[in-house]
Amino acid sequence: MIDDPLDLDPETLRAKYRAERDKRLRPDGNSQYVATDGDFAYLLKDPYADPDFRRAPLTDQVEVLIVGGGYSGLLVGARMRQAGVQSLRIVERGAGFGGVW
């Protein structure tokens, strides 16, 4: 076994992370979240999207469909291309790619 230069005890570390997680868990679970309608409906709108933008739907077939054009979706697309996949599509709900980063 390789000596740990940081002298970490895995069980102590797990216990620490469990304690921190338990501080953030709430008994009301998903009901703690506010619906994005009414006063909060504006949060669903993309401020960069042209509300009048329209185009015909795409009907071609692809080998790989990636849902979400954020950082992870873009990275998956790049890795698929590196692996030789040429027929892929990334579908993004927002007006552009890149997500919130």
PDB file of N, CA and C in Angstrom:
ATOM      1  N   MET A   1       0.846  -1.179   0.000  1.00  0.00           N
ATOM      2  CA  MET A   1       0.000   0.000   0.000  1.00  0.00           C
ATOM      3  C   MET A   1       0.888   1.238   0.000  1.00  0.00           C
ATOM      4  N   ILE A   2       0.503   2.249  -0.762  1.00  0.00           N
ATOM      5  CA  ILE A   2       1.273   3.484  -0.854  1.00  0.00           C
ATOM      6  C   ILE A   2       0.979   4.352   0.361  1.00  0.00           C
ATOM      7  N   ASP A   3       2.039   4.890   0.962  1.00  0.00           N
ATOM      8  CA  ASP A   3       1.843   5.799   2.092  1.00  0.00           C
ATOM      9  C   ASP A   3       1.150   7.061   1.612  1.00  0.00           C
ATOM     10  N   ASP A   4       0.187   7.546   2.418  1.00  0.00           N
ATOM     11  CA  ASP A   4      -0.546   8.758   2.088  1.00  0.00           C
ATOM     12  C   ASP A   4       0.254   9.956   2.584  1.00  0.00           C
ATOM     13  N   PRO A   5       0.788  10.789   1.680  1.00  0.00           N
ATOM     14  CA  PRO A   5       1.594  11.930   2.121  1.00  0.00           C
ATOM     15  C   PRO A   5       0.772  12.963   2.874  1.00  0.00           C
ATOM     16  N   LEU A   6      -0.542  12.927   2.701  1.00  0.00           N
ATOM     17  CA  LEU A   6      -1.396  13.880   3.413  1.00  0.00           C
ATOM     18  C   LEU A   6      -1.886  13.318   4.737  1.00  0.00           C
ATOM     19  N   ASP A   7      -1.605  12.057   4.988  1.00  0.00           N
ATOM     20  CA  ASP A   7      -2.008  11.404   6.230  1.00  0.00           C
ATOM     21  C   ASP A   7      -3.516  11.539   6.470  1.00  0.00           C
ATOM     22  N   LEU A   8      -4.310  11.172   5.451  1.00  0.00           N
ATOM     23  CA  LEU A   8      -5.764  11.263   5.544  1.00  0.00           C
ATOM     24  C   LEU A   8      -6.352   9.914   5.928  1.00  0.00           C
ATOM     25  N   ASP A   9      -7.320   9.958   6.797  1.00  0.00           N
ATOM     26  CA  ASP A   9      -8.058   8.757   7.170  1.00  0.00           C
ATOM     27  C   ASP A   9      -9.378   8.781   6.399  1.00  0.00           C
ATOM     28  N   PRO A  10      -9.599   7.845   5.480  1.00  0.00           N
ATOM     29  CA  PRO A  10     -10.811   7.871   4.656  1.00  0.00           C
ATOM     30  C   PRO A  10     -12.104   7.899   5.469  1.00  0.00           C
ATOM     31  N   GLU A  11     -12.173   7.138   6.547  1.00  0.00           N
ATOM     32  CA  GLU A  11     -13.409   7.115   7.341  1.00  0.00           C
ATOM     33  C   GLU A  11     -13.659   8.456   8.029  1.00  0.00           C
ATOM     34  N   THR A  12     -12.615   9.091   8.523  1.00  0.00           N
ATOM     35  CA  THR A  12     -12.766  10.411   9.139  1.00  0.00           C
ATOM     36  C   THR A  12     -13.239  11.421   8.103  1.00  0.00           C
ATOM     37  N   LEU A  13     -12.674  11.345   6.894  1.00  0.00           N
ATOM     38  CA  LEU A  13     -13.069  12.243   5.826  1.00  0.00           C
ATOM     39  C   LEU A  13     -14.521  12.015   5.421  1.00  0.00           C
ATOM     40  N   ARG A  14     -14.925  10.743   5.300  1.00  0.00           N
ATOM     41  CA  ARG A  14     -16.338  10.432   4.975  1.00  0.00           C
ATOM     42  C   ARG A  14     -17.265  10.985   6.043  1.00  0.00           C
ATOM     43  N   ALA A  15     -16.898  10.810   7.295  1.00  0.00           N
ATOM     44  CA  ALA A  15     -17.722  11.312   8.401  1.00  0.00           C
ATOM     45  C   ALA A  15     -17.848  12.830   8.330  1.00  0.00           C
ATOM     46  N   LYS A  16     -16.768  13.507   7.996  1.00  0.00           N
ATOM     47  CA  LYS A  16     -16.801  14.969   7.882  1.00  0.00           C
ATOM     48  C   LYS A  16     -17.764  15.389   6.775  1.00  0.00           C
ATOM     49  N   TYR A  17     -17.661  14.741   5.607  1.00  0.00           N
ATOM     50  CA  TYR A  17     -18.537  15.090   4.493  1.00  0.00           C
ATOM     51  C   TYR A  17     -19.998  14.752   4.792  1.00  0.00           C
ATOM     52  N   ARG A  18     -20.246  13.648   5.483  1.00  0.00           N
ATOM     53  CA  ARG A  18     -21.626  13.320   5.880  1.00  0.00           C
ATOM     54  C   ARG A  18     -22.180  14.385   6.803  1.00  0.00           C
ATOM     55  N   ALA A  19     -21.379  14.839   7.763  1.00  0.00           N
ATOM     56  CA  ALA A  19     -21.823  15.875   8.705  1.00  0.00           C
ATOM     57  C   ALA A  19     -22.145  17.174   7.960  1.00  0.00           C
ATOM     58  N   GLU A  20     -21.307  17.549   7.005  1.00  0.00           N
ATOM     59  CA  GLU A  20     -21.560  18.769   6.232  1.00  0.00           C
ATOM     60  C   GLU A  20     -22.810  18.616   5.372  1.00  0.00           C
ATOM     61  N   ARG A  21     -22.978  17.435   4.763  1.00  0.00           N
ATOM     62  CA  ARG A  21     -24.182  17.186   3.958  1.00  0.00           C
ATOM     63  C   ARG A  21     -25.425  17.259   4.822  1.00  0.00           C
ATOM     64  N   ASP A  22     -25.358  16.648   6.005  1.00  0.00           N
ATOM     65  CA  ASP A  22     -26.517  16.627   6.893  1.00  0.00           C
ATOM     66  C   ASP A  22     -26.928  18.025   7.351  1.00  0.00           C
ATOM     67  N   LYS A  23     -25.992  18.951   7.410  1.00  0.00           N
ATOM     68  CA  LYS A  23     -26.325  20.338   7.766  1.00  0.00           C
ATOM     69  C   LYS A  23     -27.212  20.978   6.706  1.00  0.00           C
ATOM     70  N   ARG A  24     -27.061  20.516   5.459  1.00  0.00           N
ATOM     71  CA  ARG A  24     -27.767  21.148   4.346  1.00  0.00           C
ATOM     72  C   ARG A  24     -29.053  20.432   3.943  1.00  0.00           C
ATOM     73  N   LEU A  25     -29.217  19.198   4.368  1.00  0.00           N
ATOM     74  CA  LEU A  25     -30.452  18.474   4.050  1.00  0.00           C
ATOM     75  C   LEU A  25     -31.594  19.062   4.859  1.00  0.00           C
ATOM     76  N   ARG A  26     -32.722  19.216   4.206  1.00  0.00           N
ATOM     77  CA  ARG A  26     -33.886  19.782   4.879  1.00  0.00           C
ATOM     78  C   ARG A  26     -35.004  18.756   4.917  1.00  0.00           C
ATOM     79  N   PRO A  27     -35.789  18.757   5.984  1.00  0.00           N
ATOM     80  CA  PRO A  27     -36.876  17.778   6.086  1.00  0.00           C
ATOM     81  C   PRO A  27     -37.988  18.006   5.067  1.00  0.00           C
ATOM     82  N   ASP A  28     -38.108  19.232   4.534  1.00  0.00           N
ATOM     83  CA  ASP A  28     -39.170  19.502   3.567  1.00  0.00           C
ATOM     84  C   ASP A  28     -38.796  19.072   2.145  1.00  0.00           C
ATOM     85  N   GLY A  29     -37.583  18.567   1.947  1.00  0.00           N
ATOM     86  CA  GLY A  29     -37.188  17.994   0.659  1.00  0.00           C
ATOM     87  C   GLY A  29     -37.474  18.894  -0.523  1.00  0.00           C
ATOM     88  N   ASN A  30     -38.073  18.341  -1.569  1.00  0.00           N
ATOM     89  CA  ASN A  30     -38.347  19.110  -2.785  1.00  0.00           C
ATOM     90  C   ASN A  30     -39.374  20.208  -2.586  1.00  0.00           C
ATOM     91  N   SER A  31     -40.194  20.117  -1.559  1.00  0.00           N
ATOM     92  CA  SER A  31     -41.211  21.155  -1.350  1.00  0.00           C
ATOM     93  C   SER A  31     -40.586  22.479  -0.910  1.00  0.00           C
ATOM     94  N   GLN A  32     -39.284  22.495  -0.625  1.00  0.00           N
ATOM     95  CA  GLN A  32     -38.610  23.741  -0.273  1.00  0.00           C
ATOM     96  C   GLN A  32     -38.449  24.667  -1.472  1.00  0.00           C
ATOM     97  N   TYR A  33     -38.576  24.121  -2.674  1.00  0.00           N
ATOM     98  CA  TYR A  33     -38.344  24.914  -3.867  1.00  0.00           C
ATOM     99  C   TYR A  33     -39.607  25.638  -4.311  1.00  0.00           C
ATOM    100  N   VAL A  34     -39.408  26.829  -4.863  1.00  0.00           N
ATOM    101  CA  VAL A  34     -40.510  27.665  -5.324  1.00  0.00           C
ATOM    102  C   VAL A  34     -40.718  27.397  -6.810  1.00  0.00           C
ATOM    103  N   ALA A  35     -41.965  27.251  -7.217  1.00  0.00           N
ATOM    104  CA  ALA A  35     -42.280  27.003  -8.628  1.00  0.00           C
ATOM    105  C   ALA A  35     -41.924  28.228  -9.471  1.00  0.00           C
ATOM    106  N   THR A  36     -41.453  27.974 -10.693  1.00  0.00           N
ATOM    107  CA  THR A  36     -41.104  29.078 -11.586  1.00  0.00           C
ATOM    108  C   THR A  36     -42.313  29.493 -12.414  1.00  0.00           C
ATOM    109  N   ASP A  37     -43.343  29.917 -11.707  1.00  0.00           N
ATOM    110  CA  ASP A  37     -44.507  30.496 -12.363  1.00  0.00           C
ATOM    111  C   ASP A  37     -44.948  31.697 -11.534  1.00  0.00           C
ATOM    112  N   GLY A  38     -45.983  32.362 -11.976  1.00  0.00           N
ATOM    113  CA  GLY A  38     -46.431  33.544 -11.243  1.00  0.00           C
ATOM    114  C   GLY A  38     -45.342  34.606 -11.180  1.00  0.00           C
ATOM    115  N   ASP A  39     -44.987  35.029  -9.981  1.00  0.00           N
ATOM    116  CA  ASP A  39     -43.971  36.067  -9.796  1.00  0.00           C
ATOM    117  C   ASP A  39     -42.591  35.656 -10.295  1.00  0.00           C
ATOM    118  N   PHE A  40     -42.353  34.370 -10.429  1.00  0.00           N
ATOM    119  CA  PHE A  40     -41.034  33.890 -10.820  1.00  0.00           C
ATOM    120  C   PHE A  40     -40.968  33.379 -12.257  1.00  0.00           C
ATOM    121  N   ALA A  41     -42.015  33.578 -13.033  1.00  0.00           N
ATOM    122  CA  ALA A  41     -42.056  33.089 -14.414  1.00  0.00           C
ATOM    123  C   ALA A  41     -40.964  33.725 -15.268  1.00  0.00           C
ATOM    124  N   TYR A  42     -40.565  34.932 -14.937  1.00  0.00           N
ATOM    125  CA  TYR A  42     -39.533  35.609 -15.724  1.00  0.00           C
ATOM    126  C   TYR A  42     -38.202  34.849 -15.700  1.00  0.00           C
ATOM    127  N   LEU A  43     -37.996  34.009 -14.703  1.00  0.00           N
ATOM    128  CA  LEU A  43     -36.747  33.257 -14.604  1.00  0.00           C
ATOM    129  C   LEU A  43     -36.607  32.205 -15.705  1.00  0.00           C
ATOM    130  N   LEU A  44     -37.706  31.822 -16.334  1.00  0.00           N
ATOM    131  CA  LEU A  44     -37.670  30.843 -17.416  1.00  0.00           C
ATOM    132  C   LEU A  44     -37.288  31.467 -18.753  1.00  0.00           C
ATOM    133  N   LYS A  45     -37.303  32.787 -18.840  1.00  0.00           N
ATOM    134  CA  LYS A  45     -37.028  33.461 -20.105  1.00  0.00           C
ATOM    135  C   LYS A  45     -35.530  33.681 -20.265  1.00  0.00           C
ATOM    136  N   ASP A  46     -35.048  33.409 -21.471  1.00  0.00           N
ATOM    137  CA  ASP A  46     -33.643  33.638 -21.794  1.00  0.00           C
ATOM    138  C   ASP A  46     -33.499  35.099 -22.219  1.00  0.00           C
ATOM    139  N   PRO A  47     -32.763  35.905 -21.459  1.00  0.00           N
ATOM    140  CA  PRO A  47     -32.656  37.330 -21.791  1.00  0.00           C
ATOM    141  C   PRO A  47     -31.909  37.588 -23.098  1.00  0.00           C
ATOM    142  N   TYR A  48     -31.201  36.599 -23.626  1.00  0.00           N
ATOM    143  CA  TYR A  48     -30.435  36.770 -24.855  1.00  0.00           C
ATOM    144  C   TYR A  48     -31.150  36.233 -26.082  1.00  0.00           C
ATOM    145  N   ALA A  49     -32.288  35.595 -25.883  1.00  0.00           N
ATOM    146  CA  ALA A  49     -33.007  34.973 -27.000  1.00  0.00           C
ATOM    147  C   ALA A  49     -33.951  35.972 -27.650  1.00  0.00           C
ATOM    148  N   ASP A  50     -34.010  35.921 -28.959  1.00  0.00           N
ATOM    149  CA  ASP A  50     -34.988  36.699 -29.699  1.00  0.00           C
ATOM    150  C   ASP A  50     -36.325  35.977 -29.572  1.00  0.00           C
ATOM    151  N   PRO A  51     -37.323  36.584 -28.930  1.00  0.00           N
ATOM    152  CA  PRO A  51     -38.594  35.879 -28.714  1.00  0.00           C
ATOM    153  C   PRO A  51     -39.330  35.540 -30.005  1.00  0.00           C
ATOM    154  N   ASP A  52     -38.981  36.174 -31.104  1.00  0.00           N
ATOM    155  CA  ASP A  52     -39.650  35.921 -32.381  1.00  0.00           C
ATOM    156  C   ASP A  52     -38.878  34.945 -33.266  1.00  0.00           C
ATOM    157  N   PHE A  53     -37.783  34.379 -32.767  1.00  0.00           N
ATOM    158  CA  PHE A  53     -36.983  33.458 -33.575  1.00  0.00           C
ATOM    159  C   PHE A  53     -37.765  32.180 -33.839  1.00  0.00           C
ATOM    160  N   ARG A  54     -37.796  31.786 -35.095  1.00  0.00           N
ATOM    161  CA  ARG A  54     -38.458  30.543 -35.499  1.00  0.00           C
ATOM    162  C   ARG A  54     -37.641  29.893 -36.605  1.00  0.00           C
ATOM    163  N   ARG A  55     -37.668  28.581 -36.685  1.00  0.00           N
ATOM    164  CA  ARG A  55     -37.097  27.853 -37.803  1.00  0.00           C
ATOM    165  C   ARG A  55     -37.809  26.516 -37.903  1.00  0.00           C
ATOM    166  N   ALA A  56     -37.696  25.918 -39.056  1.00  0.00           N
ATOM    167  CA  ALA A  56     -38.316  24.615 -39.263  1.00  0.00           C
ATOM    168  C   ALA A  56     -37.574  23.587 -38.414  1.00  0.00           C
ATOM    169  N   PRO A  57     -38.276  22.601 -37.883  1.00  0.00           N
ATOM    170  CA  PRO A  57     -37.596  21.561 -37.098  1.00  0.00           C
ATOM    171  C   PRO A  57     -36.657  20.739 -37.975  1.00  0.00           C
ATOM    172  N   LEU A  58     -35.608  20.242 -37.350  1.00  0.00           N
ATOM    173  CA  LEU A  58     -34.669  19.365 -38.045  1.00  0.00           C
ATOM    174  C   LEU A  58     -35.231  17.951 -38.035  1.00  0.00           C
ATOM    175  N   THR A  59     -35.082  17.252 -39.156  1.00  0.00           N
ATOM    176  CA  THR A  59     -35.639  15.900 -39.253  1.00  0.00           C
ATOM    177  C   THR A  59     -34.588  14.859 -39.620  1.00  0.00           C
ATOM    178  N   ASP A  60     -33.320  15.286 -39.655  1.00  0.00           N
ATOM    179  CA  ASP A  60     -32.272  14.330 -39.982  1.00  0.00           C
ATOM    180  C   ASP A  60     -32.051  13.373 -38.815  1.00  0.00           C
ATOM    181  N   GLN A  61     -31.358  12.280 -39.093  1.00  0.00           N
ATOM    182  CA  GLN A  61     -31.050  11.315 -38.045  1.00  0.00           C
ATOM    183  C   GLN A  61     -29.579  11.423 -37.691  1.00  0.00           C
ATOM    184  N   VAL A  62     -29.289  11.289 -36.388  1.00  0.00           N
ATOM    185  CA  VAL A  62     -27.915  11.354 -35.924  1.00  0.00           C
ATOM    186  C   VAL A  62     -27.606  10.121 -35.096  1.00  0.00           C
ATOM    187  N   GLU A  63     -26.335   9.830 -34.998  1.00  0.00           N
ATOM    188  CA  GLU A  63     -25.873   8.698 -34.199  1.00  0.00           C
ATOM    189  C   GLU A  63     -25.992   8.994 -32.700  1.00  0.00           C
ATOM    190  N   VAL A  64     -25.651  10.231 -32.326  1.00  0.00           N
ATOM    191  CA  VAL A  64     -25.641  10.629 -30.919  1.00  0.00           C
ATOM    192  C   VAL A  64     -26.385  11.948 -30.767  1.00  0.00           C
ATOM    193  N   LEU A  65     -27.304  12.002 -29.815  1.00  0.00           N
ATOM    194  CA  LEU A  65     -28.012  13.221 -29.470  1.00  0.00           C
ATOM    195  C   LEU A  65     -27.593  13.619 -28.064  1.00  0.00           C
ATOM    196  N   ILE A  66     -27.069  14.821 -27.930  1.00  0.00           N
ATOM    197  CA  ILE A  66     -26.635  15.334 -26.633  1.00  0.00           C
ATOM    198  C   ILE A  66     -27.628  16.406 -26.220  1.00  0.00           C
ATOM    199  N   VAL A  67     -28.263  16.206 -25.083  1.00  0.00           N
ATOM    200  CA  VAL A  67     -29.251  17.156 -24.592  1.00  0.00           C
ATOM    201  C   VAL A  67     -28.560  18.078 -23.598  1.00  0.00           C
ATOM    202  N   GLY A  68     -28.431  19.333 -23.979  1.00  0.00           N
ATOM    203  CA  GLY A  68     -27.797  20.332 -23.139  1.00  0.00           C
ATOM    204  C   GLY A  68     -26.468  20.770 -23.719  1.00  0.00           C
ATOM    205  N   GLY A  69     -26.355  22.063 -23.998  1.00  0.00           N
ATOM    206  CA  GLY A  69     -25.145  22.610 -24.599  1.00  0.00           C
ATOM    207  C   GLY A  69     -24.305  23.387 -23.619  1.00  0.00           C
ATOM    208  N   GLY A  70     -24.356  22.998 -22.348  1.00  0.00           N
ATOM    209  CA  GLY A  70     -23.479  23.611 -21.359  1.00  0.00           C
ATOM    210  C   GLY A  70     -22.093  23.019 -21.454  1.00  0.00           C
ATOM    211  N   TYR A  71     -21.291  23.272 -20.462  1.00  0.00           N
ATOM    212  CA  TYR A  71     -19.907  22.813 -20.470  1.00  0.00           C
ATOM    213  C   TYR A  71     -19.818  21.306 -20.689  1.00  0.00           C
ATOM    214  N   SER A  72     -20.617  20.549 -19.947  1.00  0.00           N
ATOM    215  CA  SER A  72     -20.552  19.081 -20.073  1.00  0.00           C
ATOM    216  C   SER A  72     -21.005  18.609 -21.444  1.00  0.00           C
ATOM    217  N   GLY A  73     -22.074  19.197 -21.973  1.00  0.00           N
ATOM    218  CA  GLY A  73     -22.553  18.805 -23.293  1.00  0.00           C
ATOM    219  C   GLY A  73     -21.533  19.090 -24.381  1.00  0.00           C
ATOM    220  N   LEU A  74     -20.885  20.250 -24.289  1.00  0.00           N
ATOM    221  CA  LEU A  74     -19.851  20.586 -25.264  1.00  0.00           C
ATOM    222  C   LEU A  74     -18.661  19.635 -25.157  1.00  0.00           C
ATOM    223  N   LEU A  75     -18.301  19.297 -23.929  1.00  0.00           N
ATOM    224  CA  LEU A  75     -17.183  18.378 -23.723  1.00  0.00           C
ATOM    225  C   LEU A  75     -17.509  16.979 -24.248  1.00  0.00           C
ATOM    226  N   VAL A  76     -18.741  16.515 -24.002  1.00  0.00           N
ATOM    227  CA  VAL A  76     -19.149  15.209 -24.532  1.00  0.00           C
ATOM    228  C   VAL A  76     -19.093  15.237 -26.055  1.00  0.00           C
ATOM    229  N   GLY A  77     -19.570  16.320 -26.662  1.00  0.00           N
ATOM    230  CA  GLY A  77     -19.518  16.429 -28.121  1.00  0.00           C
ATOM    231  C   GLY A  77     -18.091  16.369 -28.642  1.00  0.00           C
ATOM    232  N   ALA A  78     -17.178  17.068 -27.973  1.00  0.00           N
ATOM    233  CA  ALA A  78     -15.771  17.052 -28.389  1.00  0.00           C
ATOM    234  C   ALA A  78     -15.174  15.657 -28.246  1.00  0.00           C
ATOM    235  N   ARG A  79     -15.480  14.997 -27.146  1.00  0.00           N
ATOM    236  CA  ARG A  79     -14.942  13.641 -26.930  1.00  0.00           C
ATOM    237  C   ARG A  79     -15.526  12.645 -27.930  1.00  0.00           C
ATOM    238  N   MET A  80     -16.791  12.823 -28.277  1.00  0.00           N
ATOM    239  CA  MET A  80     -17.404  11.945 -29.285  1.00  0.00           C
ATOM    240  C   MET A  80     -16.697  12.113 -30.624  1.00  0.00           C
ATOM    241  N   ARG A  81     -16.411  13.358 -30.986  1.00  0.00           N
ATOM    242  CA  ARG A  81     -15.696  13.600 -32.238  1.00  0.00           C
ATOM    243  C   ARG A  81     -14.308  12.975 -32.194  1.00  0.00           C
ATOM    244  N   GLN A  82     -13.634  13.114 -31.067  1.00  0.00           N
ATOM    245  CA  GLN A  82     -12.311  12.490 -30.930  1.00  0.00           C
ATOM    246  C   GLN A  82     -12.388  10.972 -31.062  1.00  0.00           C
ATOM    247  N   ALA A  83     -13.523  10.417 -30.647  1.00  0.00           N
ATOM    248  CA  ALA A  83     -13.710   8.965 -30.734  1.00  0.00           C
ATOM    249  C   ALA A  83     -14.168   8.531 -32.123  1.00  0.00           C
ATOM    250  N   GLY A  84     -14.346   9.493 -33.021  1.00  0.00           N
ATOM    251  CA  GLY A  84     -14.699   9.151 -34.392  1.00  0.00           C
ATOM    252  C   GLY A  84     -16.157   9.313 -34.745  1.00  0.00           C
ATOM    253  N   VAL A  85     -16.986   9.739 -33.827  1.00  0.00           N
ATOM    254  CA  VAL A  85     -18.411   9.939 -34.124  1.00  0.00           C
ATOM    255  C   VAL A  85     -18.551  11.231 -34.931  1.00  0.00           C
ATOM    256  N   GLN A  86     -19.113  11.128 -36.109  1.00  0.00           N
ATOM    257  CA  GLN A  86     -19.287  12.305 -36.965  1.00  0.00           C
ATOM    258  C   GLN A  86     -20.722  12.814 -36.977  1.00  0.00           C
ATOM    259  N   SER A  87     -21.656  11.934 -36.666  1.00  0.00           N
ATOM    260  CA  SER A  87     -23.063  12.280 -36.741  1.00  0.00           C
ATOM    261  C   SER A  87     -23.606  12.505 -35.332  1.00  0.00           C
ATOM    262  N   LEU A  88     -23.542  13.771 -34.886  1.00  0.00           N
ATOM    263  CA  LEU A  88     -24.067  14.083 -33.560  1.00  0.00           C
ATOM    264  C   LEU A  88     -24.769  15.425 -33.591  1.00  0.00           C
ATOM    265  N   ARG A  89     -25.633  15.616 -32.646  1.00  0.00           N
ATOM    266  CA  ARG A  89     -26.358  16.883 -32.518  1.00  0.00           C
ATOM    267  C   ARG A  89     -26.411  17.235 -31.040  1.00  0.00           C
ATOM    268  N   ILE A  90     -26.174  18.525 -30.746  1.00  0.00           N
ATOM    269  CA  ILE A  90     -26.340  19.041 -29.392  1.00  0.00           C
ATOM    270  C   ILE A  90     -27.581  19.920 -29.399  1.00  0.00           C
ATOM    271  N   VAL A  91     -28.517  19.623 -28.518  1.00  0.00           N
ATOM    272  CA  VAL A  91     -29.746  20.393 -28.413  1.00  0.00           C
ATOM    273  C   VAL A  91     -29.664  21.228 -27.147  1.00  0.00           C
ATOM    274  N   GLU A  92     -29.866  22.537 -27.289  1.00  0.00           N
ATOM    275  CA  GLU A  92     -29.780  23.461 -26.163  1.00  0.00           C
ATOM    276  C   GLU A  92     -31.046  24.304 -26.087  1.00  0.00           C
ATOM    277  N   ARG A  93     -31.583  24.422 -24.914  1.00  0.00           N
ATOM    278  CA  ARG A  93     -32.810  25.196 -24.726  1.00  0.00           C
ATOM    279  C   ARG A  93     -32.548  26.698 -24.832  1.00  0.00           C
ATOM    280  N   GLY A  94     -31.394  27.131 -24.381  1.00  0.00           N
ATOM    281  CA  GLY A  94     -31.065  28.559 -24.379  1.00  0.00           C
ATOM    282  C   GLY A  94     -30.761  29.069 -25.779  1.00  0.00           C
ATOM    283  N   ALA A  95     -30.508  30.387 -25.855  1.00  0.00           N
ATOM    284  CA  ALA A  95     -30.231  31.027 -27.142  1.00  0.00           C
ATOM    285  C   ALA A  95     -28.833  30.706 -27.661  1.00  0.00           C
ATOM    286  N   GLY A  96     -27.973  30.216 -26.797  1.00  0.00           N
ATOM    287  CA  GLY A  96     -26.619  29.904 -27.220  1.00  0.00           C
ATOM    288  C   GLY A  96     -26.055  28.763 -26.389  1.00  0.00           C
ATOM    289  N   PHE A  97     -24.832  28.413 -26.705  1.00  0.00           N
ATOM    290  CA  PHE A  97     -24.175  27.322 -26.003  1.00  0.00           C
ATOM    291  C   PHE A  97     -23.294  27.860 -24.877  1.00  0.00           C
ATOM    292  N   GLY A  98     -22.957  26.988 -23.961  1.00  0.00           N
ATOM    293  CA  GLY A  98     -22.029  27.367 -22.908  1.00  0.00           C
ATOM    294  C   GLY A  98     -22.603  27.296 -21.513  1.00  0.00           C
ATOM    295  N   GLY A  99     -23.904  27.204 -21.395  1.00  0.00           N
ATOM    296  CA  GLY A  99     -24.507  27.096 -20.068  1.00  0.00           C
ATOM    297  C   GLY A  99     -24.318  28.370 -19.240  1.00  0.00           C
ATOM    298  N   VAL A 100     -24.232  28.198 -17.937  1.00  0.00           N
ATOM    299  CA  VAL A 100     -24.175  29.360 -17.039  1.00  0.00           C
ATOM    300  C   VAL A 100     -22.759  29.742 -16.651  1.00  0.00           C
ATOM    301  N   TRP A 101     -21.767  29.089 -17.178  1.00  0.00           N
ATOM    302  CA  TRP A 101     -20.405  29.400 -16.803  1.00  0.00           C
ATOM    303  C   TRP A 101     -19.907  30.531 -17.634  1.00  0.00           C
TER     304      TRP A 101
END
